[in-house]
Structures are given as C-alpha cells and as structure tokens.
C-alpha cells in the first residue's frame, strides 16, 4: 500500500523489511474522512493504576497508534478504498501486537484473558517477515483493546531506530560508456542488445552516451536512446576526435562509478558480458579486464571474410595477462582515472590507437590487465569494410602508431616489419585451393609491414582525419 501523504505521518520499519515504510494516519484526519467505519467505543471501565499515573504524552501517543491500528484492520477486513488503502504494512505489524495471529495453536494469553507480550511480539514479527498474512475479518469486530503497556508504546521509536541503524548493502556502480558520431542505426542496434544485458547481483548499471559531433546530430541519437531501459545520460562533445569523446566519458562517469565499461557503437554484446568481466576482475584482482570482439557480418558478406579469419581477433585463456586493451570490450576500475591524471592522448585524434596507448600506459604503471575469453562482444562490419583494401589500410595504420602504442624502438619495428613481410609471402602461397582467403591474410600482413616501416620513419597515417 502507498504511504500517507501527510507530512506529519510517522515512519517506522522492522529490520526484516526491505525499506522503512511510512505509516499511520495524519494527525488531523478522522474516520469519516477516510470512508472507514469507526470502531465501537470501548465499554466503560475503571482506569487502571498505570493509566491514572500515565502522562498526557502517553495518552496522545496511544490515541494516534490506536487510530493507525484500527485503520489498518478496517482496511484489511473491509477492503476499504481511497485513503484507507494508504495504511501501510507498518500499521499492520503494529496491529499484530494487539490482535495476534499465531502460526500454530492459540496465542498465549495472560491471566485476565489479554494477549501476552510474547504473543503480541511473535505475531508482529511473523507478519513483518511474511511468514503469515493478515487475516481478513469479513466484517467481524476485533476484541476491544486494553490500554497498551508502556513498552508497546515505545516499540515504534525502537523499530525506527533499528531500521535507521541497519546498514544498507553496498551497491557496485557500473557505467557503460559509448561514444558515437552520426551512426544512429548502429547505436540503435547496440541499445537493442543492451536490453538483454544482465547486471550482476549487487550492481547498478547505467549508460553514458557521448555524442562527438560539432554540427549536432544529437536529435537522431536522442530518438535512438528513447528506448533504452537503462538509466541513460546523453552528453555532447563538440571537439571532433575519438580521444576527446573518450576523455569526456571519464569526466562524466568516473566520479559516480566504481567500474567503467567501454563499448563501441558498432557492436552488440553478449547478455552475460558484464557478469563475466566483473567475475574475472574479482577472481584475479585485476584493475582492467578485456575480452574478444568477435566479427559479425551482414548477409551479403563475401564468403572469404569469415572463412579466412582475417577479421578474427586473437584469443587467450581467461586470466592471462595482457600488455594492453581496446575500448571495444573492456572493464576497468574508475579509481584509476578519478584524479584526472590518466587521460587518452588527444594528439592521436586522427591516427587512432589512443585506446591501446592509454591501457598500455596504465599497464606500465603497474595496473594489471587480464583477459576474459568468455566475455564477448560482436563487432559488426559493414559491407564496405569487407575488402582487401580496407584490411591493408587498417593494418597500415596500426603499424604507423606502433611506436606510440607499444613503446617499440625503431630497430624492433623494422625487425617486426620483416617478420610480417615473410609471413605474407608464406600465406599468399599457403592456400592454393582458397586464393581469396590467402590474399586477404596476405593483404593484412603486407599492410602491417609497410606501416611499421613508415612508423619507424616518423610518418603517420591519418585514418580518421576525414571524419
């Protein structure tokens, strides 16, 4: 039931209740205003010594408590509408103190026939824990109540104190960070997969989308985000460049998160992604956990794209250490970036590779990166990327930034270039029955070899300058 809207309504709870409910009727309300039948007046009797010596405060507290209890029992028994429905489970629990409903056998009574404190307390605790349900009265009247013992009057503030002192279980805050630029259809596909994402127990997931567009296509993005079931924030980063948008994610999410998960807007995710990333982080005590981004192709993709394996990422055993990570599938502790010292290198806005360089720098600073092979995302390749030319250009770009991302000296880059060139020659002739796959693999290796040579010479390939 909903709590009463009166500002003077008291709040109380038992520690077994998930949330302290509001209970009681407003002090100025009457039974006539609630639509409930007022209980019959108690027969006249001589006041007891305890009542004669009681204070006015005791009497007023008992009056308010009795009104709350009567309202609760009337609502339970008569199914009363309107304001009577606002009487909550707290009043029902207090009502059990005077009208016990014992789980087995008759409730214990005192020598004068009244309910004993044991019977009252046991019934109230059983009702609060859900072991028993309130018994409908079908219009019958409850026995007249004796004025309560002073301990009963004090029970309400005691229960309130217990609920306030009970610590709430910690909630792990995880923010999913996505940057996007003029790709509302791809973003909508990602959001569709996030609808099925399972949050681990004791966690709270939220979504942050950073729109990286100086012209402002945020209208389409806003429409795409309208269907998100996760708590979502959409912010705008006018400086065009991937590292600018990534740093905006850190600025917006690090302070209010325990973990950050970075995803690309052209991906979909496995429903257990966050569960498995977090499980690996806990099992290995690693600050950074990354996993594979498996390729996904459109229906009209050429057969060699999947058959060749040219788009497949490398795989490792879960828990294996890694020297770097990418933002297409990574979870890391927000405390690593909360002080603002670790940032994505904004000078790499056109060359790409700022994510690999960022995590490699964290690894060199002593923060462990491990692999979670069962934490999977799916990277969707559009038809225009399924060409040998695109494979060559992507490998070329990775080669030119190797010195920045891997910290490789020039001599090592040149040796690696020779190794990739030799492998390209072997791959080109290694599949005589599948020349399409062989040439795709060779195109990747040749591009990587050329990129390493250019990178050693200080030449950069600005793949993202035209975007």
Protein backbone atom coordinates (compact mmCIF):
# COMPACT_ATOMS: atom_id res chain seq x y z
CA UNK A 1 0.00 0.00 0.00
CA UNK A 2 1.06 3.58 -0.53
CA UNK A 3 2.19 5.68 2.39
CA UNK A 4 0.06 8.54 3.63
CA UNK A 5 0.88 11.87 2.06
CA UNK A 6 0.76 13.80 5.33
CA UNK A 7 3.99 15.47 6.32
CA UNK A 8 3.21 14.62 9.93
CA UNK A 9 2.91 10.89 9.27
CA UNK A 10 5.49 8.92 11.16
CA UNK A 11 7.88 6.40 9.59
CA UNK A 12 8.87 3.07 11.08
CA UNK A 13 10.17 -0.31 10.00
CA UNK A 14 11.44 -3.64 11.27
CA UNK A 15 14.94 -4.69 10.23
CA UNK A 16 13.50 -7.53 8.17
CA UNK A 17 11.58 -5.13 5.95
CA UNK A 18 13.39 -4.12 2.73
CA UNK A 19 12.53 -0.46 3.07
CA UNK A 20 11.24 1.56 6.04
CA UNK A 21 7.60 2.31 5.14
CA UNK A 22 5.58 5.30 6.16
CA UNK A 23 2.68 4.52 8.42
CA UNK A 24 -0.12 5.99 10.49
CA UNK A 25 -2.90 8.38 9.68
CA UNK A 26 -2.47 12.16 9.57
CA UNK A 27 -2.95 13.64 12.98
CA UNK A 28 -5.85 15.83 11.83
CA UNK A 29 -7.67 13.10 9.86
CA UNK A 30 -10.88 11.41 11.01
CA UNK A 31 -12.52 8.09 10.30
CA UNK A 32 -15.29 9.87 8.42
CA UNK A 33 -12.77 11.47 6.03
CA UNK A 34 -11.25 8.08 5.20
CA UNK A 35 -14.55 6.40 4.45
CA UNK A 36 -13.98 3.76 7.12
CA UNK A 37 -16.28 2.71 9.93
CA UNK A 38 -15.04 3.91 13.28
CA UNK A 39 -14.55 1.15 15.83
CA UNK A 40 -17.15 0.74 18.53
CA UNK A 41 -16.27 2.59 21.71
CA UNK A 42 -14.81 0.52 24.49
CA UNK A 43 -17.13 -0.28 27.42
CA UNK A 44 -16.65 1.92 30.40
CA UNK A 45 -14.24 0.60 32.94
CA UNK A 46 -12.33 1.88 35.88
CA UNK A 47 -8.98 3.26 34.81
CA UNK A 48 -6.04 1.20 35.92
CA UNK A 49 -3.34 2.49 38.20
CA UNK A 50 -0.98 2.63 35.22
CA UNK A 51 -3.35 4.86 33.24
CA UNK A 52 -4.05 7.13 36.18
CA UNK A 53 -0.33 7.68 36.65
CA UNK A 54 0.41 7.94 32.95
CA UNK A 55 1.23 11.24 31.30
CA UNK A 56 -0.71 13.19 28.69
CA UNK A 57 2.01 12.31 26.19
CA UNK A 58 1.35 8.61 26.82
CA UNK A 59 -2.37 9.08 26.17
CA UNK A 60 -1.91 11.07 22.95
CA UNK A 61 0.65 8.60 21.61
CA UNK A 62 -1.68 5.72 22.37
CA UNK A 63 -4.54 7.52 20.66
CA UNK A 64 -2.59 8.06 17.45
CA UNK A 65 -1.28 4.48 17.49
CA UNK A 66 -4.77 3.07 18.08
CA UNK A 67 -6.17 5.11 15.18
CA UNK A 68 -3.42 3.73 12.90
CA UNK A 69 -4.13 0.18 14.04
CA UNK A 70 -7.91 0.50 13.65
CA UNK A 71 -7.45 1.99 10.20
CA UNK A 72 -5.15 -0.88 9.21
CA UNK A 73 -7.55 -3.55 10.44
CA UNK A 74 -10.54 -1.86 8.80
CA UNK A 75 -8.63 -1.69 5.50
CA UNK A 76 -7.63 -5.35 5.79
CA UNK A 77 -11.02 -6.62 6.88
CA UNK A 78 -13.35 -4.49 4.78
CA UNK A 79 -11.04 -3.91 1.79
CA UNK A 80 -11.81 -0.21 2.17
CA UNK A 81 -10.93 2.09 -0.77
CA UNK A 82 -9.43 5.58 -1.05
CA UNK A 83 -7.41 6.84 1.91
CA UNK A 84 -7.78 3.58 3.80
CA UNK A 85 -5.57 1.99 1.18
CA UNK A 86 -2.79 4.31 2.22
CA UNK A 87 -2.39 2.48 5.55
CA UNK A 88 0.78 0.51 5.14
CA UNK A 89 2.37 -2.72 6.32
CA UNK A 90 3.93 -0.95 9.30
CA UNK A 91 0.50 -0.33 10.80
CA UNK A 92 -0.40 -3.97 10.16
CA UNK A 93 2.67 -5.08 12.06
CA UNK A 94 1.74 -2.82 14.97
CA UNK A 95 -1.80 -4.14 14.81
CA UNK A 96 -0.46 -7.64 15.31
CA UNK A 97 0.86 -6.50 18.67
CA UNK A 98 -2.73 -6.16 19.88
CA UNK A 99 -4.51 -8.64 17.57
CA UNK A 100 -2.07 -11.57 17.36
CA UNK A 101 -2.39 -14.16 14.59
CA UNK A 102 -0.34 -17.09 15.81
CA UNK A 103 1.09 -19.59 13.34
CA UNK A 104 0.23 -22.65 15.45
CA UNK A 105 -2.30 -23.08 18.24
CA UNK A 106 -3.96 -20.35 20.27
CA UNK A 107 -1.93 -17.29 21.11
CA UNK A 108 -0.72 -17.18 24.70
CA UNK A 109 -2.92 -15.06 26.96
CA UNK A 110 -2.41 -13.59 30.35
CA UNK A 111 -4.40 -14.47 33.48
CA UNK A 112 -7.01 -11.81 32.70
CA UNK A 113 -7.53 -13.03 29.14
CA UNK A 114 -5.47 -10.34 27.41
CA UNK A 115 -2.76 -11.04 24.89
CA UNK A 116 0.64 -11.56 26.48
CA UNK A 117 3.66 -9.59 25.28
CA UNK A 118 5.12 -12.82 23.87
CA UNK A 119 2.04 -13.47 21.77
CA UNK A 120 1.94 -9.91 20.50
CA UNK A 121 5.62 -9.73 19.61
CA UNK A 122 5.71 -13.15 17.95
CA UNK A 123 2.71 -12.33 15.79
CA UNK A 124 4.14 -8.95 14.79
CA UNK A 125 7.49 -10.45 13.78
CA UNK A 126 5.80 -13.24 11.82
CA UNK A 127 3.66 -10.70 9.97
CA UNK A 128 6.65 -8.46 9.26
CA UNK A 129 8.74 -11.36 7.88
CA UNK A 130 5.94 -12.60 5.65
CA UNK A 131 5.52 -15.93 7.49
CA UNK A 132 1.82 -15.19 7.94
CA UNK A 133 -0.59 -12.88 6.18
CA UNK A 134 -3.11 -10.54 7.79
CA UNK A 135 -6.34 -12.40 8.42
CA UNK A 136 -9.41 -10.84 6.76
CA UNK A 137 -12.15 -10.07 9.21
CA UNK A 138 -15.15 -10.29 6.84
CA UNK A 139 -16.77 -7.53 8.86
CA UNK A 140 -16.26 -9.06 12.30
CA UNK A 141 -15.14 -6.79 15.11
CA UNK A 142 -11.85 -7.23 16.81
CA UNK A 143 -11.83 -7.52 20.59
CA UNK A 144 -11.61 -4.33 22.49
CA UNK A 145 -8.07 -3.40 23.36
CA UNK A 146 -6.71 -2.79 26.77
CA UNK A 147 -4.65 0.37 27.02
CA UNK A 148 -1.17 -0.70 25.95
CA UNK A 149 1.75 -1.37 28.17
CA UNK A 150 4.34 1.40 28.15
CA UNK A 151 6.80 -0.94 26.38
CA UNK A 152 4.32 -1.25 23.49
CA UNK A 153 4.08 2.50 23.15
CA UNK A 154 7.86 2.68 22.95
CA UNK A 155 8.07 -0.02 20.28
CA UNK A 156 7.51 2.34 17.37
CA UNK A 157 10.58 4.56 18.03
CA UNK A 158 12.63 1.42 18.81
CA UNK A 159 11.76 -0.10 15.45
CA UNK A 160 12.50 3.19 13.73
CA UNK A 161 15.91 3.33 15.39
CA UNK A 162 16.67 -0.27 14.36
CA UNK A 163 15.82 0.41 10.72
CA UNK A 164 17.89 3.57 10.62
CA UNK A 165 20.92 1.87 12.17
CA UNK A 166 20.79 -1.12 9.83
CA UNK A 167 23.48 -0.59 7.12
CA UNK A 168 22.33 -0.85 3.51
CA UNK A 169 24.15 -3.42 1.36
CA UNK A 170 26.78 -1.79 -0.87
CA UNK A 171 25.82 -1.33 -4.50
CA UNK A 172 28.55 -1.54 -7.13
CA UNK A 173 28.01 1.22 -9.69
CA UNK A 174 28.96 0.27 -13.25
CA UNK A 175 28.68 2.78 -16.10
CA UNK A 176 28.63 1.62 -19.73
CA UNK A 177 30.40 4.25 -21.85
CA UNK A 178 29.73 4.59 -25.58
CA UNK A 179 30.96 7.29 -27.95
CA UNK A 180 29.15 7.82 -31.23
CA UNK A 181 29.24 10.08 -34.25
CA UNK A 182 26.48 10.16 -36.85
CA UNK A 183 25.65 6.48 -36.57
CA UNK A 184 22.15 6.30 -35.06
CA UNK A 185 21.31 2.99 -36.76
CA UNK A 186 24.39 1.29 -35.34
CA UNK A 187 23.72 2.81 -31.94
CA UNK A 188 20.14 1.54 -32.03
CA UNK A 189 21.42 -1.97 -32.70
CA UNK A 190 23.78 -1.75 -29.72
CA UNK A 191 20.98 -0.49 -27.47
CA UNK A 192 18.84 -3.43 -28.54
CA UNK A 193 21.49 -5.84 -27.28
CA UNK A 194 21.86 -3.88 -24.02
CA UNK A 195 18.18 -4.54 -23.34
CA UNK A 196 19.15 -8.17 -22.69
CA UNK A 197 22.24 -7.33 -20.66
CA UNK A 198 22.25 -8.96 -17.22
CA UNK A 199 23.59 -6.95 -14.32
CA UNK A 200 25.43 -8.97 -11.67
CA UNK A 201 23.81 -9.20 -8.24
CA UNK A 202 24.54 -6.16 -6.10
CA UNK A 203 25.30 -3.88 -9.04
CA UNK A 204 23.59 -0.90 -10.63
CA UNK A 205 24.13 -0.44 -14.38
CA UNK A 206 23.80 2.88 -16.18
CA UNK A 207 24.57 4.08 -19.70
CA UNK A 208 26.53 7.14 -20.82
CA UNK A 209 26.48 8.11 -24.50
CA UNK A 210 28.84 10.86 -25.67
CA UNK A 211 27.87 12.43 -28.98
CA UNK A 212 31.02 13.55 -30.82
CA UNK A 213 29.75 15.96 -33.43
CA UNK A 214 30.27 19.68 -33.81
CA UNK A 215 27.25 20.06 -36.10
CA UNK A 216 24.89 18.21 -33.80
CA UNK A 217 23.15 15.05 -34.92
CA UNK A 218 22.02 14.58 -31.36
CA UNK A 219 18.38 14.57 -32.45
CA UNK A 220 18.74 11.15 -34.08
CA UNK A 221 20.77 9.88 -31.15
CA UNK A 222 18.15 11.10 -28.68
CA UNK A 223 15.47 9.21 -30.59
CA UNK A 224 17.62 6.09 -30.51
CA UNK A 225 18.14 6.43 -26.75
CA UNK A 226 14.42 6.82 -26.08
CA UNK A 227 14.01 3.03 -25.98
CA UNK A 228 16.83 2.35 -23.50
CA UNK A 229 15.72 0.59 -20.31
CA UNK A 230 18.94 1.56 -18.50
CA UNK A 231 19.34 4.88 -16.69
CA UNK A 232 20.88 6.89 -19.53
CA UNK A 233 22.73 10.16 -19.92
CA UNK A 234 23.43 11.74 -23.29
CA UNK A 235 26.11 14.44 -23.44
CA UNK A 236 27.65 16.39 -26.27
CA UNK A 237 31.38 16.75 -27.01
CA UNK A 238 31.88 19.39 -29.73
CA UNK A 239 35.61 18.78 -30.25
CA UNK A 240 35.75 16.21 -33.01
CA UNK A 241 38.12 13.36 -32.30
CA UNK A 242 37.89 9.96 -30.66
CA UNK A 243 40.18 10.74 -27.70
CA UNK A 244 38.17 13.91 -26.91
CA UNK A 245 34.98 11.87 -26.66
CA UNK A 246 36.68 9.16 -24.60
CA UNK A 247 38.03 11.71 -22.14
CA UNK A 248 34.55 13.20 -21.86
CA UNK A 249 33.36 9.76 -20.76
CA UNK A 250 35.97 9.79 -17.99
CA UNK A 251 34.92 13.29 -16.91
CA UNK A 252 31.23 12.43 -16.80
CA UNK A 253 31.29 8.95 -15.28
CA UNK A 254 34.41 8.36 -13.16
CA UNK A 255 33.31 10.27 -10.07
CA UNK A 256 29.98 8.45 -9.71
CA UNK A 257 31.11 4.94 -10.72
CA UNK A 258 33.07 2.04 -9.30
CA UNK A 259 33.75 0.49 -12.70
CA UNK A 260 33.61 1.76 -16.27
CA UNK A 261 32.88 -0.46 -19.26
CA UNK A 262 33.79 0.90 -22.69
CA UNK A 263 31.98 -0.34 -25.79
CA UNK A 264 31.96 0.71 -29.45
CA UNK A 265 28.76 1.93 -31.05
CA UNK A 266 29.07 -0.58 -33.94
CA UNK A 267 28.89 -3.58 -31.61
CA UNK A 268 26.39 -5.80 -29.88
CA UNK A 269 27.05 -7.52 -26.56
CA UNK A 270 26.55 -10.93 -25.03
CA UNK A 271 23.92 -10.75 -22.25
CA UNK A 272 26.47 -12.05 -19.72
CA UNK A 273 29.22 -9.61 -20.73
CA UNK A 274 29.34 -7.50 -17.56
CA UNK A 275 28.86 -10.53 -15.30
CA UNK A 276 31.88 -12.28 -16.81
CA UNK A 277 34.11 -9.22 -16.93
CA UNK A 278 33.38 -8.50 -13.28
CA UNK A 279 33.80 -12.15 -12.27
CA UNK A 280 37.26 -12.21 -13.85
CA UNK A 281 38.20 -8.94 -12.17
CA UNK A 282 37.21 -10.35 -8.78
CA UNK A 283 38.90 -13.70 -9.36
CA UNK A 284 42.20 -12.20 -10.49
CA UNK A 285 42.15 -8.94 -8.53
CA UNK A 286 42.97 -7.15 -11.78
CA UNK A 287 42.15 -3.49 -12.27
CA UNK A 288 41.49 -3.92 -16.01
CA UNK A 289 39.74 -6.81 -17.79
CA UNK A 290 39.34 -7.12 -21.54
CA UNK A 291 37.78 -9.69 -23.84
CA UNK A 292 37.34 -10.56 -27.52
CA UNK A 293 35.31 -8.58 -30.05
CA UNK A 294 34.23 -11.29 -32.47
CA UNK A 295 33.38 -10.31 -36.05
CA UNK A 296 29.78 -10.21 -37.26
CA UNK A 297 28.97 -9.85 -40.95
CA UNK A 298 25.94 -8.75 -42.96
CA UNK A 299 24.01 -11.32 -45.02
CA UNK A 300 25.70 -10.23 -48.27
CA UNK A 301 29.25 -10.58 -46.91
CA UNK A 302 31.71 -12.42 -49.16
CA UNK A 303 32.39 -15.96 -48.03
CA UNK A 304 36.12 -15.38 -47.65
CA UNK A 305 35.59 -12.77 -44.91
CA UNK A 306 34.53 -15.39 -42.37
CA UNK A 307 36.47 -18.28 -43.87
CA UNK A 308 39.85 -16.57 -43.93
CA UNK A 309 39.90 -15.48 -40.31
CA UNK A 310 41.36 -12.13 -41.35
CA UNK A 311 38.86 -10.31 -39.12
CA UNK A 312 39.16 -12.65 -36.15
CA UNK A 313 40.82 -11.27 -33.00
CA UNK A 314 43.45 -13.27 -31.13
CA UNK A 315 42.18 -15.39 -28.23
CA UNK A 316 43.81 -16.19 -24.90
CA UNK A 317 42.96 -18.17 -21.79
CA UNK A 318 40.82 -16.40 -19.19
CA UNK A 319 43.07 -14.78 -16.63
CA UNK A 320 46.04 -14.48 -18.99
CA UNK A 321 47.94 -11.19 -18.57
CA UNK A 322 47.82 -8.72 -21.45
CA UNK A 323 50.01 -5.69 -22.17
CA UNK A 324 47.15 -3.52 -23.49
CA UNK A 325 43.40 -3.39 -24.17
CA UNK A 326 40.97 -1.72 -26.56
CA UNK A 327 37.77 0.20 -25.83
CA UNK A 328 35.63 -2.25 -27.81
CA UNK A 329 35.37 -4.56 -24.77
CA UNK A 330 36.99 -3.52 -21.50
CA UNK A 331 36.10 -3.05 -17.84
CA UNK A 332 38.35 -1.08 -15.52
CA UNK A 333 38.25 0.42 -12.03
CA UNK A 334 37.10 4.03 -12.04
CA UNK A 335 39.63 4.89 -9.34
CA UNK A 336 42.38 4.62 -11.98
CA UNK A 337 41.11 7.77 -13.68
CA UNK A 338 39.24 9.58 -10.93
CA UNK A 339 42.08 12.00 -10.16
CA UNK A 340 42.32 13.06 -13.82
CA UNK A 341 45.96 12.02 -14.23
CA UNK A 342 45.30 9.19 -16.71
CA UNK A 343 43.80 10.51 -19.94
CA UNK A 344 43.51 9.41 -23.55
CA UNK A 345 46.17 11.10 -25.68
CA UNK A 346 44.32 13.80 -27.61
CA UNK A 347 47.22 14.27 -30.04
CA UNK A 348 46.17 10.92 -31.58
CA UNK A 349 42.79 12.27 -32.70
CA UNK A 350 43.41 11.42 -36.38
CA UNK A 351 45.78 8.47 -36.21
CA UNK A 352 43.71 6.28 -33.92
CA UNK A 353 45.22 3.97 -31.34
CA UNK A 354 44.60 6.22 -28.33
CA UNK A 355 42.82 3.37 -26.51
CA UNK A 356 45.71 0.93 -26.92
CA UNK A 357 48.21 3.58 -25.85
CA UNK A 358 46.06 4.52 -22.82
CA UNK A 359 45.80 1.00 -21.42
CA UNK A 360 49.42 0.14 -22.25
CA UNK A 361 50.43 3.19 -20.20
CA UNK A 362 48.31 2.00 -17.28
CA UNK A 363 49.88 -1.46 -17.52
CA UNK A 364 53.38 0.02 -17.42
CA UNK A 365 52.29 1.97 -14.31
CA UNK A 366 51.63 -1.35 -12.54
CA UNK A 367 47.89 -1.90 -13.13
CA UNK A 368 47.25 -5.47 -14.21
CA UNK A 369 45.33 -6.22 -17.40
CA UNK A 370 43.90 -9.72 -17.79
CA UNK A 371 41.91 -11.50 -20.47
CA UNK A 372 38.33 -12.83 -20.07
CA UNK A 373 37.78 -15.13 -23.03
CA UNK A 374 34.12 -15.77 -22.22
CA UNK A 375 33.22 -12.04 -22.05
CA UNK A 376 32.26 -11.45 -25.66
CA UNK A 377 31.17 -8.53 -27.80
CA UNK A 378 30.37 -8.68 -31.51
CA UNK A 379 31.78 -6.10 -33.92
CA UNK A 380 29.58 -5.62 -36.96
CA UNK A 381 31.48 -4.96 -40.18
CA UNK A 382 29.58 -3.08 -42.90
CA UNK A 383 29.87 -4.29 -46.44
CA UNK A 384 32.32 -1.54 -47.43
CA UNK A 385 34.89 -2.81 -44.92
CA UNK A 386 34.89 -6.33 -46.29
CA UNK A 387 37.63 -5.70 -48.84
CA UNK A 388 41.32 -6.47 -49.05
CA UNK A 389 41.96 -2.75 -49.48
CA UNK A 390 40.37 -1.99 -46.09
CA UNK A 391 42.39 -4.76 -44.44
CA UNK A 392 45.58 -3.30 -45.87
CA UNK A 393 44.74 0.25 -44.71
CA UNK A 394 43.73 -0.80 -41.20
CA UNK A 395 46.94 -2.82 -40.75
CA UNK A 396 48.95 0.08 -42.17
CA UNK A 397 47.50 2.47 -39.59
CA UNK A 398 48.22 0.07 -36.73
CA UNK A 399 51.81 -0.22 -37.89
CA UNK A 400 52.43 3.53 -38.06
CA UNK A 401 51.34 4.08 -34.44
CA UNK A 402 53.17 1.06 -33.00
CA UNK A 403 55.92 3.21 -31.56
CA UNK A 404 53.34 5.29 -29.66
CA UNK A 405 51.07 2.45 -28.60
CA UNK A 406 53.64 -0.25 -27.87
CA UNK A 407 56.64 1.87 -26.96
CA UNK A 408 58.63 -0.10 -29.53
CA UNK A 409 62.06 1.21 -30.59
CA UNK A 410 62.77 1.73 -34.27
CA UNK A 411 65.03 -1.31 -34.56
CA UNK A 412 62.32 -3.58 -33.23
CA UNK A 413 59.75 -2.06 -35.56
CA UNK A 414 61.94 -2.80 -38.56
CA UNK A 415 62.51 -6.39 -37.42
CA UNK A 416 58.77 -6.84 -36.99
CA UNK A 417 58.24 -5.44 -40.48
CA UNK A 418 60.50 -8.16 -41.90
CA UNK A 419 58.62 -10.81 -39.96
CA UNK A 420 55.22 -9.65 -41.28
CA UNK A 421 56.56 -9.49 -44.86
CA UNK A 422 57.84 -13.06 -44.63
CA UNK A 423 54.52 -14.28 -43.23
CA UNK A 424 52.65 -12.51 -46.04
CA UNK A 425 54.69 -14.38 -48.62
CA UNK A 426 54.04 -17.68 -46.88
CA UNK A 427 50.30 -17.02 -46.55
CA UNK A 428 49.91 -15.95 -50.16
CA UNK A 429 51.00 -19.38 -51.34
CA UNK A 430 49.87 -21.41 -48.36
CA UNK A 431 46.26 -21.86 -49.52
CA UNK A 432 46.34 -22.77 -53.20
CA UNK A 433 42.77 -24.10 -53.00
CA UNK A 434 41.47 -20.94 -51.33
CA UNK A 435 43.17 -17.97 -53.00
CA UNK A 436 40.56 -15.47 -51.74
CA UNK A 437 41.37 -16.22 -48.12
CA UNK A 438 45.09 -16.36 -48.82
CA UNK A 439 45.18 -12.91 -50.43
CA UNK A 440 43.07 -11.41 -47.62
CA UNK A 441 45.53 -12.63 -44.99
CA UNK A 442 48.47 -11.51 -47.09
CA UNK A 443 46.95 -8.03 -47.51
CA UNK A 444 46.83 -7.66 -43.72
CA UNK A 445 50.44 -8.71 -43.23
CA UNK A 446 51.76 -6.52 -46.06
CA UNK A 447 49.90 -3.51 -44.67
CA UNK A 448 51.35 -4.14 -41.23
CA UNK A 449 54.89 -4.44 -42.60
CA UNK A 450 54.59 -1.21 -44.59
CA UNK A 451 53.07 0.60 -41.60
CA UNK A 452 55.91 -0.42 -39.30
CA UNK A 453 58.49 0.90 -41.75
CA UNK A 454 56.61 4.21 -42.09
CA UNK A 455 56.18 4.45 -38.31
CA UNK A 456 59.91 3.90 -37.74
CA UNK A 457 60.50 6.80 -40.13
CA UNK A 458 58.07 9.02 -38.18
CA UNK A 459 55.33 9.03 -40.83
CA UNK A 460 51.72 8.79 -39.64
CA UNK A 461 48.60 7.63 -41.45
CA UNK A 462 45.61 9.84 -40.51
CA UNK A 463 42.77 7.37 -40.97
CA UNK A 464 40.21 9.49 -39.08
CA UNK A 465 41.02 12.95 -40.46
CA UNK A 466 38.21 12.94 -43.00
CA UNK A 467 35.50 12.01 -40.47
